[in-house]
């Protein structure tokens, strides 16, 4: 969450006003109960610092609360506040915050001081003390329970107020997780009481024995959670990979990759490049900020420089843990100023780098071996899915298009025609018009200039028709020198005017050909005309075959036989 620089400065100022004076005042009003056990205080500090570096979590509550409880019972409020300050500093350090988030150090210091002080005051106010020479009785347990509950409640309240003031969040104490967090906080109380009793009985040895047990447990739990996290990620990656490979459009594959990969490996910025230009440059395919895709023009980057050159040579992932490690590279300009960590993953095709995935974070040391392996797998899924989608699109294009003119072929057109008739029958559209066009005297063009010249005319005519029709309808090559146009929601009078415009655009503008029958393939301009037939459903036809047949009949009887270069409308 981003806050203004004014608020950040206010947090630092509050820390200087509250913490130094607060610690001095606490040590004065509630002097530590040390009894010459300074070494034990240091031992507790070391223990809580190590545990804070690899905390055992119960829900959202760390087990160091149990240790801080023992410190409070043994040494009093002042030492407990000091130890808690140190523990929270270690916890914040683990987060590897960016420079702009360093305000969280003083912020957590202030909140921990406040809830420690208030919970201690509640304990003392109810008659609690640190004289346990006669052992712990039921009343002591009750006071400790009240202290622990106060500790949790004041902690929650301090965090909620801080979030409200800094981030503008609504003041709300009751959430669905509050009860379970409170219950988890109470679960740490037995750890503190046991550590306290053992310390009373055994002294420093208790810190060593319990500390060794807790640190061992913390290490085991850390490995367990790490393994559990890897398995969870691998499961998500496998499911995500199947989703990717089911996409049949390259754009859909890339969009899904950005959305899915950001959910698995959080990132500040994500960039996907593909290498082109004979393996000299890489062009941007997708750019995202915080998992949200943004249209951003980035100039192609040279793969022979900087980070990209490193990947191209190593052919394996490269992680930069801080800006110092990559800023000296020559083409780092694509990365914003707040980037610290960079994870660069090559996309390999037959052991050759075909693309690059860049994932960044504003935190230092944000990515490790675990994230790198996950992104390696994701990059493989991405490239397989892209290749599949592009192959499918190429095959689909070949099956639907005329190889010469690149217009739709009649097989595809026939499918569209039947679908449009279904829409007509379902009243999704009101009318459906069809234009059938045949080039006049096309055989003489082939005989005079050669078949290659005839093909040039077909291609140029296809371009003209595509430019005229555009998204208004579907244009296809019917066969030979015939073309067909389907226009949904266009009536009989409108389609006649449209067909007449097409006829004039053919007749009034010569076509350019290169004569095959001339040794030099001299460029020539020739004029051609076309005869056009038009039919409209449901007025002229009730099914797909009828509208084609009636447009064909109009073309031959009303245009060809009437002298050609005409538009004829089917009249029944």
Protein backbone atom coordinates (compact mmCIF):
# COMPACT_ATOMS: atom_id res chain seq x y z
CA UNK A 1 0.00 0.00 0.00
CA UNK A 2 1.30 3.42 -1.02
CA UNK A 3 1.18 6.43 1.31
CA UNK A 4 2.25 10.01 0.77
CA UNK A 5 5.71 11.27 1.69
CA UNK A 6 4.06 13.61 4.22
CA UNK A 7 2.59 10.68 6.12
CA UNK A 8 5.89 8.82 5.99
CA UNK A 9 7.69 11.81 7.50
CA UNK A 10 4.97 12.05 10.15
CA UNK A 11 5.62 8.41 11.15
CA UNK A 12 9.36 9.09 11.53
CA UNK A 13 8.62 12.23 13.57
CA UNK A 14 6.24 10.37 15.87
CA UNK A 15 8.85 7.69 16.44
CA UNK A 16 11.39 10.29 17.61
CA UNK A 17 8.77 11.87 19.87
CA UNK A 18 7.39 8.64 21.39
CA UNK A 19 9.96 5.84 21.47
CA UNK A 20 13.12 7.35 23.07
CA UNK A 21 11.10 9.20 25.74
CA UNK A 22 8.74 6.25 26.16
CA UNK A 23 11.56 3.75 26.75
CA UNK A 24 13.28 6.06 29.25
CA UNK A 25 9.99 6.69 31.04
CA UNK A 26 9.13 2.98 31.16
CA UNK A 27 12.53 2.07 32.59
CA UNK A 28 12.06 4.80 35.18
CA UNK A 29 8.48 3.98 36.21
CA UNK A 30 8.75 0.19 35.82
CA UNK A 31 12.41 -0.58 36.52
CA UNK A 32 13.64 -3.96 35.27
CA UNK A 33 13.76 -6.87 37.69
CA UNK A 34 17.23 -7.99 36.71
CA UNK A 35 18.82 -9.13 39.99
CA UNK A 36 22.16 -9.24 38.20
CA UNK A 37 20.82 -11.50 35.43
CA UNK A 38 21.96 -9.28 32.56
CA UNK A 39 23.37 -12.29 30.75
CA UNK A 40 19.96 -13.96 30.82
CA UNK A 41 18.37 -10.88 29.28
CA UNK A 42 20.90 -11.11 26.47
CA UNK A 43 20.10 -14.83 26.11
CA UNK A 44 16.38 -14.04 25.79
CA UNK A 45 17.19 -11.32 23.25
CA UNK A 46 19.21 -13.77 21.16
CA UNK A 47 16.45 -16.40 21.40
CA UNK A 48 13.65 -14.05 20.38
CA UNK A 49 15.78 -12.59 17.55
CA UNK A 50 16.47 -16.04 16.09
CA UNK A 51 12.80 -17.01 16.39
CA UNK A 52 11.76 -13.73 14.74
CA UNK A 53 14.07 -14.51 11.82
CA UNK A 54 12.25 -17.80 11.11
CA UNK A 55 8.95 -17.49 12.96
CA UNK A 56 6.55 -20.32 13.69
CA UNK A 57 3.08 -19.01 12.87
CA UNK A 58 -0.23 -20.14 14.36
CA UNK A 59 -2.72 -18.52 12.00
CA UNK A 60 -1.32 -14.96 11.91
CA UNK A 61 0.22 -15.05 15.40
CA UNK A 62 3.93 -15.69 15.88
CA UNK A 63 5.21 -17.96 18.65
CA UNK A 64 7.59 -15.25 19.90
CA UNK A 65 4.60 -13.89 21.86
CA UNK A 66 5.06 -16.84 24.19
CA UNK A 67 8.72 -15.93 24.71
CA UNK A 68 7.88 -12.25 25.28
CA UNK A 69 5.32 -13.34 27.89
CA UNK A 70 8.04 -15.23 29.78
CA UNK A 71 10.30 -12.15 29.56
CA UNK A 72 7.50 -9.98 30.97
CA UNK A 73 6.88 -12.32 33.89
CA UNK A 74 10.58 -12.61 34.73
CA UNK A 75 12.00 -9.12 34.09
CA UNK A 76 8.96 -6.84 33.98
CA UNK A 77 7.43 -4.45 31.48
CA UNK A 78 10.50 -2.41 30.53
CA UNK A 79 12.58 -5.39 29.40
CA UNK A 80 9.56 -6.96 27.67
CA UNK A 81 9.05 -3.77 25.63
CA UNK A 82 12.75 -3.71 24.71
CA UNK A 83 12.77 -7.38 23.67
CA UNK A 84 9.56 -6.96 21.65
CA UNK A 85 11.01 -3.93 19.86
CA UNK A 86 14.00 -6.01 18.80
CA UNK A 87 11.80 -8.96 17.72
CA UNK A 88 9.56 -6.81 15.54
CA UNK A 89 12.59 -5.20 13.90
CA UNK A 90 13.81 -8.67 12.88
CA UNK A 91 10.36 -9.57 11.54
CA UNK A 92 10.26 -6.39 9.43
CA UNK A 93 13.79 -7.00 8.16
CA UNK A 94 12.63 -10.40 6.87
CA UNK A 95 10.15 -8.63 4.60
CA UNK A 96 12.98 -7.05 2.57
CA UNK A 97 11.16 -3.78 2.16
CA UNK A 98 11.83 -1.28 -0.57
CA UNK A 99 13.24 2.07 0.52
CA UNK A 100 9.85 3.79 0.20
CA UNK A 101 8.42 1.28 2.72
CA UNK A 102 11.07 1.77 5.39
CA UNK A 103 8.55 3.83 7.35
CA UNK A 104 7.15 0.50 8.51
CA UNK A 105 10.15 0.10 10.85
CA UNK A 106 9.20 3.09 13.03
CA UNK A 107 5.49 2.37 12.52
CA UNK A 108 5.79 -1.15 13.95
CA UNK A 109 8.05 0.14 16.69
CA UNK A 110 5.36 2.64 17.76
CA UNK A 111 2.47 0.17 17.62
CA UNK A 112 4.39 -2.57 19.50
CA UNK A 113 5.41 -0.07 22.19
CA UNK A 114 1.80 1.06 22.63
CA UNK A 115 0.18 -2.36 22.93
CA UNK A 116 2.95 -3.70 25.18
CA UNK A 117 2.65 -0.67 27.48
CA UNK A 118 -1.17 -0.80 27.64
CA UNK A 119 -1.38 -4.55 28.28
CA UNK A 120 1.27 -4.20 31.01
CA UNK A 121 -0.72 -1.38 32.62
CA UNK A 122 -3.82 -3.59 32.62
CA UNK A 123 -1.82 -6.36 34.34
CA UNK A 124 -0.45 -4.03 37.02
CA UNK A 125 -3.79 -2.26 37.41
CA UNK A 126 -5.49 -5.54 38.33
CA UNK A 127 -2.91 -6.20 41.03
CA UNK A 128 -0.41 -8.25 39.08
CA UNK A 129 3.26 -8.31 40.09
CA UNK A 130 6.41 -10.34 39.53
CA UNK A 131 6.69 -12.05 42.92
CA UNK A 132 6.26 -15.74 42.20
CA UNK A 133 8.38 -17.07 45.06
CA UNK A 134 5.43 -19.11 46.31
CA UNK A 135 4.64 -20.45 42.84
CA UNK A 136 1.86 -19.68 40.35
CA UNK A 137 -1.71 -19.98 41.64
CA UNK A 138 -5.08 -19.75 39.90
CA UNK A 139 -5.27 -15.97 40.39
CA UNK A 140 -1.87 -15.55 38.72
CA UNK A 141 -3.05 -17.67 35.78
CA UNK A 142 -6.16 -15.48 35.49
CA UNK A 143 -4.06 -12.31 35.50
CA UNK A 144 -1.73 -13.77 32.86
CA UNK A 145 -4.77 -14.70 30.75
CA UNK A 146 -6.13 -11.15 31.05
CA UNK A 147 -2.68 -9.80 30.13
CA UNK A 148 -2.51 -12.04 27.06
CA UNK A 149 -6.02 -11.05 25.94
CA UNK A 150 -5.18 -7.36 26.47
CA UNK A 151 -1.95 -7.85 24.52
CA UNK A 152 -3.90 -9.25 21.58
CA UNK A 153 -6.73 -6.69 21.68
CA UNK A 154 -4.44 -3.66 21.98
CA UNK A 155 -2.27 -5.10 19.20
CA UNK A 156 -5.30 -5.40 16.92
CA UNK A 157 -6.55 -1.94 17.87
CA UNK A 158 -3.15 -0.31 17.27
CA UNK A 159 -2.88 -1.92 13.83
CA UNK A 160 -6.44 -0.94 12.87
CA UNK A 161 -5.97 2.69 13.93
CA UNK A 162 -2.61 2.89 12.11
CA UNK A 163 -4.16 1.48 8.92
CA UNK A 164 -7.06 3.89 9.19
CA UNK A 165 -4.82 6.95 9.60
CA UNK A 166 -2.26 5.95 6.97
CA UNK A 167 -4.27 4.08 4.35
CA UNK A 168 -7.78 5.45 4.94
CA UNK A 169 -9.21 2.06 5.86
CA UNK A 170 -12.47 1.84 7.76
CA UNK A 171 -12.17 1.47 11.55
CA UNK A 172 -13.46 -2.06 12.04
CA UNK A 173 -12.39 -4.29 14.91
CA UNK A 174 -14.58 -7.26 14.11
CA UNK A 175 -13.51 -9.34 11.15
CA UNK A 176 -14.03 -13.00 10.32
CA UNK A 177 -10.40 -13.77 11.25
CA UNK A 178 -10.25 -11.80 14.52
CA UNK A 179 -11.70 -14.61 16.64
CA UNK A 180 -9.27 -17.20 15.32
CA UNK A 181 -6.32 -14.82 15.67
CA UNK A 182 -7.31 -14.23 19.30
CA UNK A 183 -7.63 -17.95 19.94
CA UNK A 184 -4.22 -18.52 18.36
CA UNK A 185 -2.75 -15.80 20.58
CA UNK A 186 -3.98 -17.68 23.65
CA UNK A 187 -2.34 -20.85 22.30
CA UNK A 188 1.07 -19.21 22.79
CA UNK A 189 0.38 -18.57 26.49
CA UNK A 190 1.32 -22.11 27.69
CA UNK A 191 4.71 -21.76 25.93
CA UNK A 192 5.41 -18.57 27.89
CA UNK A 193 4.28 -20.05 31.23
CA UNK A 194 6.32 -23.24 30.73
CA UNK A 195 9.41 -21.25 29.77
CA UNK A 196 8.89 -18.98 32.79
CA UNK A 197 8.50 -21.89 35.27
CA UNK A 198 11.53 -23.71 33.87
CA UNK A 199 13.56 -20.52 34.07
CA UNK A 200 12.59 -20.02 37.74
CA UNK A 201 13.67 -23.59 38.45
CA UNK A 202 16.70 -23.97 36.19
CA UNK A 203 17.87 -20.46 35.30
CA UNK A 204 19.87 -19.89 32.10
CA UNK A 205 19.80 -23.60 31.27
CA UNK A 206 16.04 -23.33 30.70
CA UNK A 207 16.60 -20.67 28.03
CA UNK A 208 19.11 -22.91 26.31
CA UNK A 209 16.96 -26.06 26.47
CA UNK A 210 13.63 -24.45 25.55
CA UNK A 211 15.36 -22.19 23.06
CA UNK A 212 17.03 -25.12 21.33
CA UNK A 213 13.68 -26.92 21.16
CA UNK A 214 11.86 -23.86 19.79
CA UNK A 215 14.59 -23.05 17.27
CA UNK A 216 14.66 -26.68 16.08
CA UNK A 217 10.88 -26.63 15.80
CA UNK A 218 11.05 -23.32 13.94
CA UNK A 219 13.58 -24.75 11.47
CA UNK A 220 11.51 -27.92 10.94
CA UNK A 221 8.31 -25.92 10.50
CA UNK A 222 10.07 -23.55 8.10
CA UNK A 223 11.13 -26.50 5.95
CA UNK A 224 7.67 -28.00 6.21
CA UNK A 225 5.95 -24.79 5.14
CA UNK A 226 8.51 -24.33 2.39
CA UNK A 227 7.81 -27.83 1.04
CA UNK A 228 4.09 -27.29 1.44
CA UNK A 229 4.34 -24.00 -0.44
CA UNK A 230 6.29 -25.65 -3.26
CA UNK A 231 3.70 -28.43 -3.56
CA UNK A 232 0.90 -25.89 -3.55
CA UNK A 233 2.62 -23.90 -6.27
CA UNK A 234 3.37 -26.98 -8.34
CA UNK A 235 -0.28 -27.99 -8.18
CA UNK A 236 -1.36 -24.50 -9.25
CA UNK A 237 1.27 -24.48 -12.00
CA UNK A 238 0.06 -27.85 -13.33
CA UNK A 239 -3.57 -26.69 -13.39
CA UNK A 240 -2.54 -23.41 -14.93
CA UNK A 241 -0.46 -25.19 -17.59
CA UNK A 242 -3.50 -27.23 -18.66
CA UNK A 243 -5.56 -24.05 -18.90
CA UNK A 244 -2.90 -22.42 -21.08
CA UNK A 245 -2.60 -25.32 -23.50
CA UNK A 246 -6.38 -25.37 -23.99
CA UNK A 247 -6.36 -21.83 -25.40
CA UNK A 248 -6.44 -21.71 -29.19
CA UNK A 249 -5.69 -18.01 -29.69
CA UNK A 250 -2.20 -16.62 -29.12
CA UNK A 251 -3.58 -13.44 -27.53
CA UNK A 252 -5.69 -15.51 -25.14
CA UNK A 253 -2.61 -17.53 -24.17
CA UNK A 254 -0.60 -14.38 -23.39
CA UNK A 255 -3.47 -12.73 -21.49
CA UNK A 256 -4.03 -15.83 -19.38
CA UNK A 257 -0.30 -16.19 -18.72
CA UNK A 258 -0.06 -12.65 -17.33
CA UNK A 259 -3.11 -13.14 -15.10
CA UNK A 260 -2.13 -16.61 -13.89
CA UNK A 261 1.61 -16.14 -13.40
CA UNK A 262 1.06 -12.96 -11.38
CA UNK A 263 -1.22 -14.90 -9.04
CA UNK A 264 1.42 -17.62 -8.55
CA UNK A 265 4.55 -15.41 -8.39
CA UNK A 266 3.59 -11.86 -7.31
CA UNK A 267 5.44 -9.17 -9.24
CA UNK A 268 5.56 -5.43 -9.58
CA UNK A 269 6.20 -5.50 -13.32
CA UNK A 270 5.99 -8.41 -15.76
CA UNK A 271 7.35 -8.26 -19.31
CA UNK A 272 7.18 -10.96 -21.98
CA UNK A 273 9.50 -10.61 -24.99
CA UNK A 274 9.81 -12.67 -28.15
CA UNK A 275 13.02 -12.74 -30.18
CA UNK A 276 12.77 -11.85 -33.86
CA UNK A 277 14.90 -10.22 -36.59
CA UNK A 278 17.24 -13.18 -37.05
CA UNK A 279 17.88 -13.45 -33.32
CA UNK A 280 19.13 -9.87 -33.02
CA UNK A 281 16.27 -8.13 -31.18
CA UNK A 282 13.37 -8.93 -28.88
CA UNK A 283 9.94 -7.30 -29.12
CA UNK A 284 7.48 -6.86 -26.27
CA UNK A 285 4.43 -9.15 -26.33
CA UNK A 286 2.89 -8.24 -22.98
CA UNK A 287 3.52 -5.71 -20.20
CA UNK A 288 1.79 -5.73 -16.81
CA UNK A 289 1.96 -3.77 -13.57
CA UNK A 290 0.87 -5.59 -10.42
CA UNK A 291 -0.75 -8.28 -12.56
CA UNK A 292 -2.79 -5.80 -14.63
CA UNK A 293 -1.99 -5.61 -18.33
CA UNK A 294 -1.14 -2.19 -19.73
CA UNK A 295 -0.73 -1.13 -23.33
CA UNK A 296 2.81 0.19 -23.40
CA UNK A 297 5.06 0.80 -26.36
CA UNK A 298 8.57 -0.40 -25.67
CA UNK A 299 11.17 -0.29 -28.39
CA UNK A 300 12.69 -3.64 -29.40
CA UNK A 301 15.72 -4.45 -27.26
CA UNK A 302 18.98 -5.96 -28.41
CA UNK A 303 19.59 -9.45 -27.08
CA UNK A 304 23.32 -8.84 -27.37
CA UNK A 305 23.33 -6.34 -24.51
CA UNK A 306 22.64 -6.28 -20.79
CA UNK A 307 20.32 -8.73 -19.08
CA UNK A 308 19.16 -10.22 -22.37
CA UNK A 309 22.72 -11.00 -23.47
CA UNK A 310 23.31 -12.78 -20.16
CA UNK A 311 20.25 -14.96 -20.70
CA UNK A 312 21.16 -15.65 -24.31
CA UNK A 313 24.58 -16.90 -23.26
CA UNK A 314 23.58 -18.84 -20.14
CA UNK A 315 20.30 -20.24 -21.54
CA UNK A 316 19.03 -20.44 -17.96
CA UNK A 317 17.32 -18.18 -15.45
CA UNK A 318 19.16 -15.29 -13.90
CA UNK A 319 18.15 -13.55 -10.66
CA UNK A 320 19.33 -10.08 -9.63
CA UNK A 321 18.70 -9.51 -5.93
CA UNK A 322 19.08 -5.73 -5.92
CA UNK A 323 19.44 -2.77 -8.24
CA UNK A 324 23.21 -2.70 -7.65
CA UNK A 325 23.52 -6.05 -9.44
CA UNK A 326 21.85 -4.98 -12.68
CA UNK A 327 21.92 -1.19 -12.95
CA UNK A 328 25.33 -1.17 -14.63
CA UNK A 329 23.99 -3.23 -17.54
CA UNK A 330 23.62 -1.24 -20.73
CA UNK A 331 19.93 -1.72 -21.55
CA UNK A 332 18.25 -1.55 -18.16
CA UNK A 333 16.19 1.49 -19.21
CA UNK A 334 12.99 -0.53 -19.60
CA UNK A 335 12.73 -0.96 -15.83
CA UNK A 336 11.13 1.74 -13.64
CA UNK A 337 13.05 3.34 -10.79
CA UNK A 338 11.27 1.40 -8.02
CA UNK A 339 12.52 -1.98 -9.30
CA UNK A 340 15.00 -3.80 -7.06
CA UNK A 341 14.84 -7.56 -7.68
CA UNK A 342 14.69 -8.95 -11.22
CA UNK A 343 14.06 -12.53 -12.26
CA UNK A 344 14.81 -13.12 -15.95
CA UNK A 345 13.66 -16.41 -17.48
CA UNK A 346 14.63 -17.53 -21.00
CA UNK A 347 11.97 -19.22 -23.12
CA UNK A 348 13.72 -22.09 -24.84
CA UNK A 349 12.74 -23.76 -28.11
CA UNK A 350 14.97 -26.67 -29.14
CA UNK A 351 17.67 -25.40 -26.75
CA UNK A 352 17.60 -21.97 -28.43
CA UNK A 353 16.41 -18.84 -26.63
CA UNK A 354 13.16 -17.82 -28.34
CA UNK A 355 11.88 -15.33 -25.79
CA UNK A 356 12.38 -13.77 -22.37
CA UNK A 357 10.14 -13.34 -19.33
CA UNK A 358 11.08 -10.55 -16.93
CA UNK A 359 9.52 -10.49 -13.45
CA UNK A 360 10.42 -7.66 -11.06
CA UNK A 361 9.83 -6.65 -7.46
CA UNK A 362 10.34 -3.46 -5.48
CA UNK A 363 11.79 -5.58 -2.65
CA UNK A 364 15.39 -6.71 -2.43
CA UNK A 365 16.07 -10.46 -2.59
CA UNK A 366 12.42 -11.08 -3.50
CA UNK A 367 13.12 -14.17 -5.63
CA UNK A 368 14.96 -17.36 -4.84
CA UNK A 369 15.50 -20.84 -6.25
CA UNK A 370 11.90 -21.85 -5.57
CA UNK A 371 10.39 -19.00 -7.61
CA UNK A 372 12.94 -19.49 -10.37
CA UNK A 373 12.01 -23.15 -10.82
CA UNK A 374 8.31 -22.28 -10.85
CA UNK A 375 8.84 -19.60 -13.53
CA UNK A 376 10.97 -22.04 -15.55
CA UNK A 377 8.02 -24.44 -15.66
CA UNK A 378 5.61 -21.61 -16.48
CA UNK A 379 7.82 -20.42 -19.34
CA UNK A 380 7.80 -23.93 -20.85
CA UNK A 381 4.01 -24.06 -20.62
CA UNK A 382 3.77 -20.61 -22.19
CA UNK A 383 5.87 -21.47 -25.21
CA UNK A 384 4.14 -24.82 -25.83
CA UNK A 385 0.75 -23.11 -25.58
CA UNK A 386 1.84 -20.30 -27.91
CA UNK A 387 3.18 -22.74 -30.49
CA UNK A 388 -0.02 -24.81 -30.30
CA UNK A 389 -2.23 -21.73 -30.64
CA UNK A 390 -0.24 -20.34 -33.57
CA UNK A 391 -0.22 -23.72 -35.30
CA UNK A 392 -3.98 -23.99 -34.79
CA UNK A 393 -4.53 -20.46 -36.10
CA UNK A 394 -2.33 -21.15 -39.14
CA UNK A 395 -4.14 -24.42 -39.88
CA UNK A 396 -7.51 -22.78 -39.36
CA UNK A 397 -6.53 -19.90 -41.64
CA UNK A 398 -5.40 -22.33 -44.36
CA UNK A 399 -8.64 -24.30 -44.11
CA UNK A 400 -10.83 -21.19 -44.28
CA UNK A 401 -8.98 -19.03 -46.80
CA UNK A 402 -8.30 -19.07 -50.50
CA UNK A 403 -4.55 -19.59 -50.95
CA UNK A 404 -4.41 -17.12 -53.84
CA UNK A 405 -6.61 -14.18 -52.79
CA UNK A 406 -6.63 -14.78 -48.99
CA UNK A 407 -10.37 -14.21 -48.97
CA UNK A 408 -12.56 -16.75 -47.24
CA UNK A 409 -13.15 -19.86 -49.33
CA UNK A 410 -16.61 -21.10 -50.23
CA UNK A 411 -16.57 -23.87 -47.59
CA UNK A 412 -16.19 -21.31 -44.82
CA UNK A 413 -18.67 -18.97 -46.51
CA UNK A 414 -21.26 -21.73 -46.68
CA UNK A 415 -20.98 -22.30 -42.90
CA UNK A 416 -21.42 -18.57 -42.24
CA UNK A 417 -24.39 -18.47 -44.61
CA UNK A 418 -26.20 -21.27 -42.74
CA UNK A 419 -25.50 -19.57 -39.39
CA UNK A 420 -26.87 -16.26 -40.68
CA UNK A 421 -30.03 -17.99 -41.89
CA UNK A 422 -30.45 -19.44 -38.40
CA UNK A 423 -30.15 -15.90 -37.01
CA UNK A 424 -32.71 -14.75 -39.58
CA UNK A 425 -35.13 -17.48 -38.56
CA UNK A 426 -34.58 -16.65 -34.88
CA UNK A 427 -35.27 -12.97 -35.65
CA UNK A 428 -31.80 -11.94 -34.50
CA UNK A 429 -31.54 -10.17 -37.86
CA UNK A 430 -34.36 -8.92 -40.07
CA UNK A 431 -32.87 -9.28 -43.56
CA UNK A 432 -29.98 -11.01 -45.28
CA UNK A 433 -28.64 -10.01 -48.68
CA UNK A 434 -26.20 -11.80 -50.97
CA UNK A 435 -24.13 -10.41 -53.85
CA UNK A 436 -22.69 -12.77 -56.47
CA UNK A 437 -20.07 -11.25 -58.78
CA UNK A 438 -18.45 -12.68 -61.93
CA UNK A 439 -15.63 -11.02 -63.93
CA UNK A 440 -16.65 -10.45 -67.55
CA UNK A 441 -14.55 -12.02 -70.32
CA UNK A 442 -11.99 -13.30 -67.84
CA UNK A 443 -10.89 -16.08 -70.21
CA UNK A 444 -9.76 -13.48 -72.75
CA UNK A 445 -7.61 -11.83 -70.06
CA UNK A 446 -5.85 -15.14 -69.45
CA UNK A 447 -5.44 -15.76 -73.18
CA UNK A 448 -4.09 -12.25 -73.83
CA UNK A 449 -1.85 -11.66 -70.83
CA UNK A 450 -1.32 -15.12 -69.32
CA UNK A 451 -2.72 -16.94 -66.34
CA UNK A 452 -0.36 -15.23 -63.90
CA UNK A 453 -1.78 -11.89 -64.98
CA UNK A 454 -5.25 -13.31 -64.42
CA UNK A 455 -4.22 -14.23 -60.88
CA UNK A 456 -2.98 -10.68 -60.32
CA UNK A 457 -6.41 -9.36 -61.28
CA UNK A 458 -8.12 -11.82 -58.91
CA UNK A 459 -5.84 -10.71 -56.04
CA UNK A 460 -6.30 -7.00 -56.71
CA UNK A 461 -10.07 -7.41 -57.00
CA UNK A 462 -10.09 -9.32 -53.70
CA UNK A 463 -8.26 -6.40 -52.03
CA UNK A 464 -10.77 -3.91 -53.44
CA UNK A 465 -13.75 -5.93 -52.28
CA UNK A 466 -12.25 -6.36 -48.78
CA UNK A 467 -11.66 -2.63 -48.60
CA UNK A 468 -15.25 -1.84 -49.64
CA UNK A 469 -17.07 -4.48 -47.58
CA UNK A 470 -14.84 -4.46 -44.47
CA UNK A 471 -16.79 -5.37 -41.35
CA UNK A 472 -20.17 -4.83 -43.01
CA UNK A 473 -20.29 -8.44 -44.17
CA UNK A 474 -18.31 -11.47 -45.29
CA UNK A 475 -16.44 -11.62 -48.61
CA UNK A 476 -15.37 -14.94 -50.15
CA UNK A 477 -14.09 -16.38 -53.39
CA UNK A 478 -16.91 -18.46 -54.80
CA UNK A 479 -14.71 -20.22 -57.36
CA UNK A 480 -12.78 -19.32 -60.49
CA UNK A 481 -13.45 -15.66 -61.24
CA UNK A 482 -16.61 -15.47 -59.08
CA UNK A 483 -16.86 -13.73 -55.70
CA UNK A 484 -19.68 -13.69 -53.16
CA UNK A 485 -20.57 -11.15 -50.46
CA UNK A 486 -22.99 -11.73 -47.56
CA UNK A 487 -24.53 -8.68 -45.86
CA UNK A 488 -26.66 -9.17 -42.71
CA UNK A 489 -29.42 -6.64 -42.01
CA UNK A 490 -29.15 -5.06 -45.46
CA UNK A 491 -32.38 -4.69 -47.47
CA UNK A 492 -33.07 -5.08 -51.16
CA UNK A 493 -32.76 -1.43 -52.16
CA UNK A 494 -29.62 -0.92 -50.04
CA UNK A 495 -27.88 -4.01 -51.44
CA UNK A 496 -28.62 -2.88 -54.99
CA UNK A 497 -26.98 0.51 -54.33
CA UNK A 498 -24.04 -1.23 -52.65
CA UNK A 499 -23.60 -3.66 -55.56
CA UNK A 500 -23.77 -0.77 -58.04
CA UNK A 501 -21.00 1.00 -56.12
CA UNK A 502 -18.87 -2.16 -56.33
CA UNK A 503 -19.51 -2.46 -60.06
CA UNK A 504 -18.42 1.14 -60.69
CA UNK A 505 -15.32 0.76 -58.50
CA UNK A 506 -14.28 -2.17 -60.74
CA UNK A 507 -15.18 -0.62 -64.07
CA UNK A 508 -13.82 2.88 -63.46
CA UNK A 509 -10.37 1.95 -62.13
CA UNK A 510 -7.99 -0.09 -64.32
CA UNK A 511 -6.12 -3.10 -62.94
CA UNK A 512 -2.35 -3.46 -63.10
CA UNK A 513 -0.88 -6.69 -64.50
CA UNK A 514 2.50 -7.98 -65.69
CA UNK A 515 2.06 -9.75 -69.00
CA UNK A 516 3.42 -13.31 -68.93
CA UNK A 517 3.40 -13.38 -72.72
CA UNK A 518 5.91 -10.53 -72.89
CA UNK A 519 9.58 -11.38 -72.36
CA UNK A 520 10.14 -8.38 -70.10
CA UNK A 521 6.88 -8.95 -68.17
CA UNK A 522 5.93 -5.38 -68.98
CA UNK A 523 3.53 -3.71 -66.55
CA UNK A 524 0.19 -2.89 -68.17
CA UNK A 525 -3.11 -1.39 -67.08
CA UNK A 526 -6.27 -3.08 -68.25
CA UNK A 527 -9.93 -2.35 -67.64
CA UNK A 528 -12.34 -5.07 -66.67
CA UNK A 529 -16.00 -5.20 -65.76
CA UNK A 530 -18.15 -7.50 -63.68
CA UNK A 531 -21.69 -8.79 -63.83
CA UNK A 532 -23.46 -8.87 -60.47
CA UNK A 533 -26.55 -10.65 -59.19
CA UNK A 534 -28.33 -9.78 -55.94
CA UNK A 535 -30.91 -11.61 -53.81
CA UNK A 536 -32.38 -10.85 -50.37
CA UNK A 537 -33.96 -13.13 -47.76
CA UNK A 538 -36.62 -13.65 -46.64
CA UNK A 539 -38.18 -11.82 -49.63
CA UNK A 540 -36.38 -13.84 -52.32
CA UNK A 541 -35.35 -17.00 -50.48
CA UNK A 542 -36.23 -19.16 -47.49
CA UNK A 543 -32.97 -21.11 -47.15
CA UNK A 544 -29.25 -20.86 -47.85
CA UNK A 545 -29.26 -22.76 -51.16
CA UNK A 546 -32.14 -20.69 -52.52
CA UNK A 547 -30.50 -17.33 -51.96
CA UNK A 548 -27.31 -18.47 -53.76
CA UNK A 549 -29.30 -19.99 -56.61
CA UNK A 550 -31.46 -16.86 -57.04
CA UNK A 551 -28.48 -14.47 -56.94
CA UNK A 552 -26.76 -16.69 -59.53
CA UNK A 553 -29.85 -16.65 -61.73
CA UNK A 554 -30.09 -12.84 -61.46
CA UNK A 555 -26.45 -12.52 -62.46
CA UNK A 556 -26.68 -14.69 -65.57
CA UNK A 557 -30.13 -13.76 -66.85
CA UNK A 558 -30.30 -10.16 -65.65
CA UNK A 559 -26.67 -9.08 -66.09
CA UNK A 560 -24.66 -11.42 -68.33
CA UNK A 561 -27.38 -11.99 -70.92
CA UNK A 562 -28.35 -8.32 -70.81
CA UNK A 563 -24.93 -7.18 -71.98
CA UNK A 564 -22.67 -7.60 -68.91
CA UNK A 565 -21.26 -4.89 -66.59
CA UNK A 566 -24.63 -4.64 -64.87
CA UNK A 567 -26.27 -5.26 -61.49
CA UNK A 568 -29.40 -7.41 -61.59
CA UNK A 569 -31.78 -7.97 -58.69
CA UNK A 570 -33.66 -11.26 -58.40
CA UNK A 571 -37.30 -10.66 -59.15
CA UNK A 572 -38.91 -14.06 -58.63
